[in-house]
Amino acid sequence: MNILETLATSGPGRLLTKQLGLKEPPTLRREDTLPAGDILAYATGRSTLAVDTLGLLGIAPGAPLIDDHHDHTPAYDDKPGALIIDATDLALLDDLELLRQVLRPAVRGLEKSGRIIILGPRPEDAAADNHEARAAAEALDGIMRTVGKELRGGSTANLVRVCPDTQAGDLASTLSFLIEGRSAFVSGQTWEVKTGAGDHGVDKRPYAGRIVAVTGAARGIGSAIARVFAEQGATVVGIDLPAAGGELSELISEIGGSALPLDITDDDAAHRITDHITRTHGADARLWAIVHNAGITRDKSIVNLDAKKWRQVIDINLKAEMAINADLLAERGPGGFGDEARIVGIASTSGIAGNKGQSNYAASKAGVIGYTDSLSRELADSGITANAVAPGFIETDMTAEIPYLRREIARRVNSLSQGGRPVDVAETIAYLCQPASGAVQGQTIRVCGQNLVGK
């Protein structure tokens, strides 16, 4: 701890930071815990999608308070834990007032680490000439992002867009994730749930009997990903460079599974993964999911960035993932992908908003987002899904090396006023890989606490 950190954590230092407006960040509700208060549901029209989905999760929702235009906002006697607004049949701009009426009391009364979840239509599903319906659907995004910035106490707001034929079973894993503490550092985000979840129900141990490969697993976020999958029943194949073999072996000895020392840029990387799986886990073993976590930074301003540093980052962060996926998808034999496999890439908020001194890294992570979208279109009718997560500032050994003042600023430039934890990224990835998440396809979800930069 340097002198600035020592000062900031002292009594006078804490008083000074408070006077500067740097309040102590709230403690976030994590893991698979539900809110303490009631879970409320409200529909702007006749849709029962929210209530039906909550029913599948064993939740009987209550009714929220409505602002009745009096001078005083109605107040909850007991703080609600979550409000789910079903606006999936919203088509009129005047009906946006219904969201104001229900949000006004809820935002004021929500418990700490509460949840505001809006379900809405996709703008493109309205008729091409129905400009009002498309505008209303897009307006939900603006409402959600603003509410996310106004909430306090570690509460979050998110918008889930659904297709006209999305069913409760398609939405169940997403709504469960958003209500529970697993989504602690996901706020201000919009993503889609389509169709295709099949008969898979939401399960506390969805990966029992399934094999999940995690690259860059030896430390940091990769280690957290491996641990979360193991906790949820997976047999983890931890992959990392041979130089990290000691740390990788230590992790695997703790969580079970198997270790595969491997340079993911090798031409035969995919073959070595499938060969390892069949030799170690059985001749007929199949890969349920692969998480492409391995990555590097070689930060330099572009005027000082040479070709070697540029190529290293692109090769490891993007091209290796693409090559491994292509080979695994081409050779669907033993050790390879099963019929409903899951592919998850790791993007970054740097790939969305850019970051000074990281043109190579930002390019690689923006590339992950574009590749994920493109691959998901190829896989649309296959049963296999491809998605990505984009972490913001996450507390790791690497970010701990950032100078104190820069680190403190980076932590606080989001609506939750703190950095995330590796487990926050891991839980989001585990949600995307669930058997019940087959209706989530081609999405990039930011795990950033609603970072103030980017969309």
Foldseek 3Di string as FASTA:
>chain_A
DDPVVVQCPDPVNVVVCVVVVQHDFFDAAADLDFFPFFEAEEELDDDCQVVVLVVLVVHHHDHAAFQPPDPDGDEDPAAHQEYEYEDAVPAAPVSVVRVVGRVVRNLVRHDAQGEYEYEYAALVQDPPPSVRRSVNRVVVLVVQLVSQLVHGRQYAGEYEHEYPPDHSLQCNLVVSCRRGNLQSLFHSYYAYFYDDLPPDGDDQQQAAVAEEEEEPLLFFLNVLLQQSNLSSHYQYEYEYAPVSVVSQVVSCVVSPHYYDHDDLLDLCNLVSQLVCCCVPPHVQHEHQEYELPDFDADFAAPVPDDPVRLCRRLSRQAVSLVSNVVVLVVDVGGSGHDQQHEYEHEAAVCLFFNDGRGPSNNVSRVNLLVVQLVVLVVCVPRNYAYEYEHEFAEDGPVLVPPPDVVSQVSQQQASSGGHHYSSSVSSVVVSCSGSSNSSRHSYYGYSYNHGPGGD
